[in-house]
N, C-alpha and C. Protein backbone atom coordinates (compact mmCIF):
# COMPACT_ATOMS: atom_id res chain seq x y z
N MET A 1 13.78 -3.93 -0.72
CA MET A 1 13.37 -3.04 0.34
C MET A 1 11.93 -3.35 0.70
N LYS A 2 11.63 -3.33 1.97
CA LYS A 2 10.26 -3.52 2.43
C LYS A 2 9.62 -2.16 2.64
N CYS A 3 8.31 -2.10 2.38
CA CYS A 3 7.56 -0.88 2.65
C CYS A 3 6.17 -1.25 3.14
N ASP A 4 5.57 -0.32 3.84
CA ASP A 4 4.23 -0.52 4.39
C ASP A 4 3.24 0.28 3.55
N ILE A 5 2.21 -0.41 3.07
CA ILE A 5 1.15 0.26 2.31
C ILE A 5 -0.17 -0.12 2.96
N ASN A 6 -0.73 0.83 3.70
CA ASN A 6 -2.02 0.64 4.36
C ASN A 6 -2.01 -0.58 5.30
N GLY A 7 -0.90 -0.77 5.99
CA GLY A 7 -0.79 -1.87 6.92
C GLY A 7 -0.33 -3.19 6.32
N TYR A 8 -0.14 -3.22 5.02
CA TYR A 8 0.35 -4.41 4.33
C TYR A 8 1.84 -4.26 4.07
N LYS A 9 2.59 -5.32 4.28
CA LYS A 9 4.04 -5.31 4.06
C LYS A 9 4.34 -5.74 2.63
N TRP A 10 4.91 -4.84 1.86
CA TRP A 10 5.28 -5.09 0.47
C TRP A 10 6.79 -5.15 0.35
N GLN A 11 7.26 -5.93 -0.60
CA GLN A 11 8.69 -6.05 -0.89
C GLN A 11 8.95 -5.49 -2.29
N ILE A 12 9.91 -4.59 -2.40
CA ILE A 12 10.35 -4.09 -3.70
C ILE A 12 11.69 -4.76 -4.00
N GLN A 13 11.77 -5.35 -5.17
CA GLN A 13 12.97 -6.09 -5.55
C GLN A 13 13.27 -5.86 -7.02
N GLU A 14 14.45 -6.30 -7.42
CA GLU A 14 14.85 -6.19 -8.82
C GLU A 14 15.19 -7.56 -9.36
N GLY A 15 15.07 -7.70 -10.67
CA GLY A 15 15.40 -8.97 -11.31
C GLY A 15 15.83 -8.77 -12.74
N ALA A 16 16.40 -9.83 -13.30
CA ALA A 16 16.81 -9.85 -14.70
C ALA A 16 15.64 -10.30 -15.56
N PHE A 17 15.85 -10.35 -16.87
CA PHE A 17 14.78 -10.78 -17.78
C PHE A 17 14.23 -12.15 -17.40
N ASP A 18 15.09 -13.02 -16.86
CA ASP A 18 14.64 -14.37 -16.56
C ASP A 18 14.04 -14.51 -15.16
N HIS A 19 13.90 -13.41 -14.43
CA HIS A 19 13.27 -13.46 -13.11
C HIS A 19 11.82 -13.90 -13.27
N PRO A 20 11.33 -14.81 -12.43
CA PRO A 20 9.95 -15.33 -12.59
C PRO A 20 8.87 -14.24 -12.63
N GLN A 21 9.07 -13.14 -11.92
CA GLN A 21 8.07 -12.08 -11.89
C GLN A 21 8.10 -11.22 -13.16
N LEU A 22 9.14 -11.34 -13.96
CA LEU A 22 9.28 -10.47 -15.13
C LEU A 22 9.12 -11.20 -16.45
N LEU A 23 8.77 -12.45 -16.43
CA LEU A 23 8.66 -13.20 -17.68
C LEU A 23 7.66 -12.59 -18.65
N GLU A 24 6.56 -12.07 -18.13
CA GLU A 24 5.52 -11.51 -19.00
C GLU A 24 5.55 -9.99 -19.03
N GLN A 25 6.40 -9.40 -18.24
CA GLN A 25 6.47 -7.95 -18.16
C GLN A 25 7.90 -7.50 -18.42
N TYR A 26 8.05 -6.43 -19.12
CA TYR A 26 9.39 -5.96 -19.44
C TYR A 26 9.98 -5.06 -18.36
N TRP A 27 9.24 -4.06 -17.91
CA TRP A 27 9.79 -3.05 -17.01
C TRP A 27 9.59 -3.38 -15.53
N GLY A 28 8.42 -3.87 -15.17
CA GLY A 28 8.13 -4.13 -13.77
C GLY A 28 6.83 -4.88 -13.62
N ARG A 29 6.60 -5.36 -12.39
CA ARG A 29 5.38 -6.11 -12.13
C ARG A 29 4.98 -5.95 -10.68
N CYS A 30 3.69 -5.83 -10.47
CA CYS A 30 3.12 -5.77 -9.13
C CYS A 30 2.34 -7.07 -8.92
N ASP A 31 2.76 -7.85 -7.93
CA ASP A 31 2.10 -9.12 -7.61
C ASP A 31 1.29 -8.91 -6.34
N TYR A 32 -0.03 -8.84 -6.50
CA TYR A 32 -0.92 -8.54 -5.38
C TYR A 32 -0.92 -9.65 -4.33
N VAL A 33 -0.84 -10.89 -4.76
CA VAL A 33 -0.90 -12.02 -3.82
C VAL A 33 0.38 -12.09 -2.98
N ALA A 34 1.52 -12.02 -3.65
CA ALA A 34 2.81 -12.09 -2.94
C ALA A 34 3.20 -10.76 -2.30
N GLN A 35 2.50 -9.71 -2.66
CA GLN A 35 2.78 -8.35 -2.19
C GLN A 35 4.23 -7.97 -2.49
N THR A 36 4.58 -8.15 -3.78
CA THR A 36 5.91 -7.77 -4.25
C THR A 36 5.81 -6.88 -5.47
N ILE A 37 6.77 -6.01 -5.58
CA ILE A 37 6.96 -5.21 -6.79
C ILE A 37 8.35 -5.59 -7.30
N THR A 38 8.41 -6.05 -8.55
CA THR A 38 9.68 -6.45 -9.14
C THR A 38 9.98 -5.52 -10.31
N LEU A 39 11.18 -4.96 -10.31
CA LEU A 39 11.63 -4.04 -11.34
C LEU A 39 12.75 -4.68 -12.14
N TYR A 40 12.78 -4.41 -13.43
CA TYR A 40 13.90 -4.86 -14.26
C TYR A 40 15.15 -4.14 -13.78
N LYS A 41 16.16 -4.89 -13.40
CA LYS A 41 17.34 -4.33 -12.72
C LYS A 41 18.20 -3.42 -13.59
N ASP A 42 18.16 -3.55 -14.90
CA ASP A 42 19.07 -2.79 -15.75
C ASP A 42 18.49 -1.50 -16.32
N LEU A 43 17.40 -1.02 -15.75
CA LEU A 43 16.83 0.25 -16.19
C LEU A 43 17.70 1.40 -15.71
N GLN A 44 17.75 2.47 -16.49
CA GLN A 44 18.41 3.69 -16.03
C GLN A 44 17.59 4.26 -14.87
N ALA A 45 18.24 4.98 -14.00
CA ALA A 45 17.63 5.45 -12.75
C ALA A 45 16.31 6.20 -12.96
N LYS A 46 16.28 7.11 -13.91
CA LYS A 46 15.07 7.90 -14.12
C LYS A 46 13.90 7.01 -14.56
N ARG A 47 14.17 6.08 -15.45
CA ARG A 47 13.13 5.16 -15.93
C ARG A 47 12.72 4.19 -14.82
N LYS A 48 13.70 3.72 -14.04
CA LYS A 48 13.40 2.80 -12.94
C LYS A 48 12.46 3.46 -11.93
N LYS A 49 12.70 4.73 -11.61
CA LYS A 49 11.84 5.44 -10.67
C LYS A 49 10.43 5.58 -11.24
N ALA A 50 10.32 5.89 -12.51
CA ALA A 50 8.99 6.02 -13.14
C ALA A 50 8.25 4.69 -13.11
N VAL A 51 8.95 3.59 -13.40
CA VAL A 51 8.33 2.26 -13.36
C VAL A 51 7.92 1.92 -11.93
N LEU A 52 8.78 2.24 -10.97
CA LEU A 52 8.45 1.97 -9.57
C LEU A 52 7.20 2.74 -9.15
N ILE A 53 7.11 4.00 -9.51
CA ILE A 53 5.92 4.78 -9.18
C ILE A 53 4.68 4.15 -9.81
N HIS A 54 4.79 3.74 -11.06
CA HIS A 54 3.68 3.08 -11.74
C HIS A 54 3.24 1.84 -10.96
N GLU A 55 4.20 1.00 -10.57
CA GLU A 55 3.87 -0.23 -9.84
C GLU A 55 3.36 0.07 -8.44
N LEU A 56 3.87 1.11 -7.81
CA LEU A 56 3.36 1.50 -6.48
C LEU A 56 1.91 1.95 -6.55
N VAL A 57 1.53 2.61 -7.63
CA VAL A 57 0.12 2.99 -7.78
C VAL A 57 -0.75 1.74 -7.82
N HIS A 58 -0.31 0.70 -8.55
CA HIS A 58 -1.04 -0.57 -8.54
C HIS A 58 -1.16 -1.10 -7.12
N ALA A 59 -0.05 -1.09 -6.38
CA ALA A 59 -0.04 -1.61 -5.01
C ALA A 59 -0.97 -0.81 -4.10
N PHE A 60 -0.96 0.50 -4.24
CA PHE A 60 -1.84 1.34 -3.42
C PHE A 60 -3.30 1.09 -3.77
N LEU A 61 -3.61 0.94 -5.04
CA LEU A 61 -4.98 0.63 -5.43
C LEU A 61 -5.43 -0.67 -4.79
N CYS A 62 -4.55 -1.66 -4.77
CA CYS A 62 -4.86 -2.94 -4.15
C CYS A 62 -5.07 -2.77 -2.65
N ALA A 63 -4.12 -2.12 -2.00
CA ALA A 63 -4.17 -1.97 -0.55
C ALA A 63 -5.35 -1.12 -0.09
N LYS A 64 -5.83 -0.25 -0.95
CA LYS A 64 -6.96 0.61 -0.59
C LYS A 64 -8.29 0.03 -1.05
N GLY A 65 -8.26 -1.21 -1.56
CA GLY A 65 -9.49 -1.90 -1.92
C GLY A 65 -10.12 -1.45 -3.23
N ARG A 66 -9.33 -0.85 -4.10
CA ARG A 66 -9.89 -0.34 -5.36
C ARG A 66 -9.37 -1.10 -6.57
N ILE A 67 -8.79 -2.26 -6.33
CA ILE A 67 -8.19 -3.04 -7.41
C ILE A 67 -9.21 -3.52 -8.43
N HIS A 68 -10.42 -3.75 -8.02
CA HIS A 68 -11.43 -4.29 -8.93
C HIS A 68 -12.29 -3.20 -9.57
N GLN A 69 -12.01 -1.96 -9.27
CA GLN A 69 -12.75 -0.87 -9.88
C GLN A 69 -12.35 -0.79 -11.35
N ALA A 70 -13.31 -1.01 -12.23
CA ALA A 70 -13.01 -1.11 -13.66
C ALA A 70 -12.68 0.24 -14.30
N LYS A 71 -13.35 1.29 -13.87
CA LYS A 71 -13.13 2.60 -14.49
C LYS A 71 -12.95 3.65 -13.41
N PHE A 72 -12.15 4.64 -13.76
CA PHE A 72 -11.91 5.76 -12.86
C PHE A 72 -12.22 7.05 -13.60
N SER A 73 -12.99 7.90 -12.97
CA SER A 73 -13.26 9.22 -13.57
C SER A 73 -12.05 10.11 -13.33
N HIS A 74 -12.05 11.26 -13.96
CA HIS A 74 -10.98 12.23 -13.72
C HIS A 74 -10.94 12.60 -12.25
N GLU A 75 -12.10 12.77 -11.65
CA GLU A 75 -12.16 13.11 -10.22
C GLU A 75 -11.59 11.99 -9.36
N ASP A 76 -11.87 10.73 -9.72
CA ASP A 76 -11.31 9.60 -8.97
C ASP A 76 -9.77 9.65 -8.98
N VAL A 77 -9.22 9.88 -10.16
CA VAL A 77 -7.76 9.93 -10.31
C VAL A 77 -7.19 11.10 -9.49
N CYS A 78 -7.82 12.25 -9.59
CA CYS A 78 -7.34 13.43 -8.86
C CYS A 78 -7.43 13.21 -7.35
N GLU A 79 -8.51 12.63 -6.88
CA GLU A 79 -8.67 12.35 -5.45
C GLU A 79 -7.65 11.33 -4.97
N PHE A 80 -7.43 10.29 -5.77
CA PHE A 80 -6.45 9.27 -5.41
C PHE A 80 -5.06 9.89 -5.29
N MET A 81 -4.68 10.69 -6.28
CA MET A 81 -3.35 11.31 -6.25
C MET A 81 -3.23 12.32 -5.11
N ALA A 82 -4.27 13.07 -4.84
CA ALA A 82 -4.23 14.02 -3.73
C ALA A 82 -4.02 13.29 -2.40
N ALA A 83 -4.62 12.12 -2.28
CA ALA A 83 -4.53 11.37 -1.03
C ALA A 83 -3.21 10.62 -0.88
N TYR A 84 -2.65 10.09 -1.97
CA TYR A 84 -1.53 9.15 -1.84
C TYR A 84 -0.25 9.51 -2.59
N ALA A 85 -0.25 10.54 -3.39
CA ALA A 85 0.94 10.86 -4.19
C ALA A 85 2.18 11.10 -3.32
N ASP A 86 2.03 11.85 -2.24
CA ASP A 86 3.19 12.12 -1.39
C ASP A 86 3.80 10.83 -0.84
N GLU A 87 2.94 9.92 -0.39
CA GLU A 87 3.42 8.66 0.17
C GLU A 87 4.09 7.79 -0.90
N ILE A 88 3.49 7.76 -2.08
CA ILE A 88 4.06 6.99 -3.20
C ILE A 88 5.44 7.53 -3.57
N ILE A 89 5.57 8.83 -3.72
CA ILE A 89 6.84 9.45 -4.08
C ILE A 89 7.87 9.24 -2.97
N LYS A 90 7.45 9.31 -1.72
CA LYS A 90 8.36 9.10 -0.59
C LYS A 90 8.97 7.69 -0.64
N ILE A 91 8.14 6.69 -0.91
CA ILE A 91 8.64 5.32 -1.02
C ILE A 91 9.60 5.20 -2.19
N ALA A 92 9.23 5.77 -3.33
CA ALA A 92 10.09 5.71 -4.52
C ALA A 92 11.42 6.40 -4.28
N ASP A 93 11.40 7.56 -3.65
CA ASP A 93 12.65 8.28 -3.36
C ASP A 93 13.53 7.48 -2.40
N LYS A 94 12.93 6.88 -1.39
CA LYS A 94 13.69 6.07 -0.44
C LYS A 94 14.34 4.88 -1.14
N TYR A 95 13.58 4.22 -2.01
CA TYR A 95 14.13 3.08 -2.75
C TYR A 95 15.28 3.51 -3.64
N MET A 96 15.10 4.59 -4.36
CA MET A 96 16.13 5.06 -5.28
C MET A 96 17.39 5.50 -4.54
N ALA A 97 17.22 6.10 -3.36
CA ALA A 97 18.39 6.51 -2.56
C ALA A 97 19.18 5.28 -2.12
N ARG A 98 18.48 4.23 -1.74
CA ARG A 98 19.15 2.98 -1.33
C ARG A 98 19.83 2.32 -2.53
N ALA A 99 19.23 2.43 -3.70
CA ALA A 99 19.77 1.78 -4.89
C ALA A 99 21.09 2.43 -5.32
N LYS A 100 21.28 3.69 -5.00
CA LYS A 100 22.51 4.40 -5.37
C LYS A 100 23.71 3.91 -4.56
N LYS A 101 23.45 3.37 -3.38
CA LYS A 101 24.55 2.97 -2.47
C LYS A 101 25.20 1.68 -2.90
């Protein structure tokens, strides 16, 4: 599935253990250069959604120019979530609804 994050086109995909994007990661991976999120295909739905949300947060941090910020205060995290949580959850819900079909 393709999604738009701050004007950048990202691809969400799934793969097996031998998928090139998952060789070093078990659950999922966010590739900033390729603008892809790859999820392990055999996760149960609830876990897959949690992993997708985790990877989407990485993607949003990248798209919003905060990828190189080494530390985040509690206020930074709260502000980030207040600004982008709805959009992140919307993308995750849309992906999961398509995955059920």
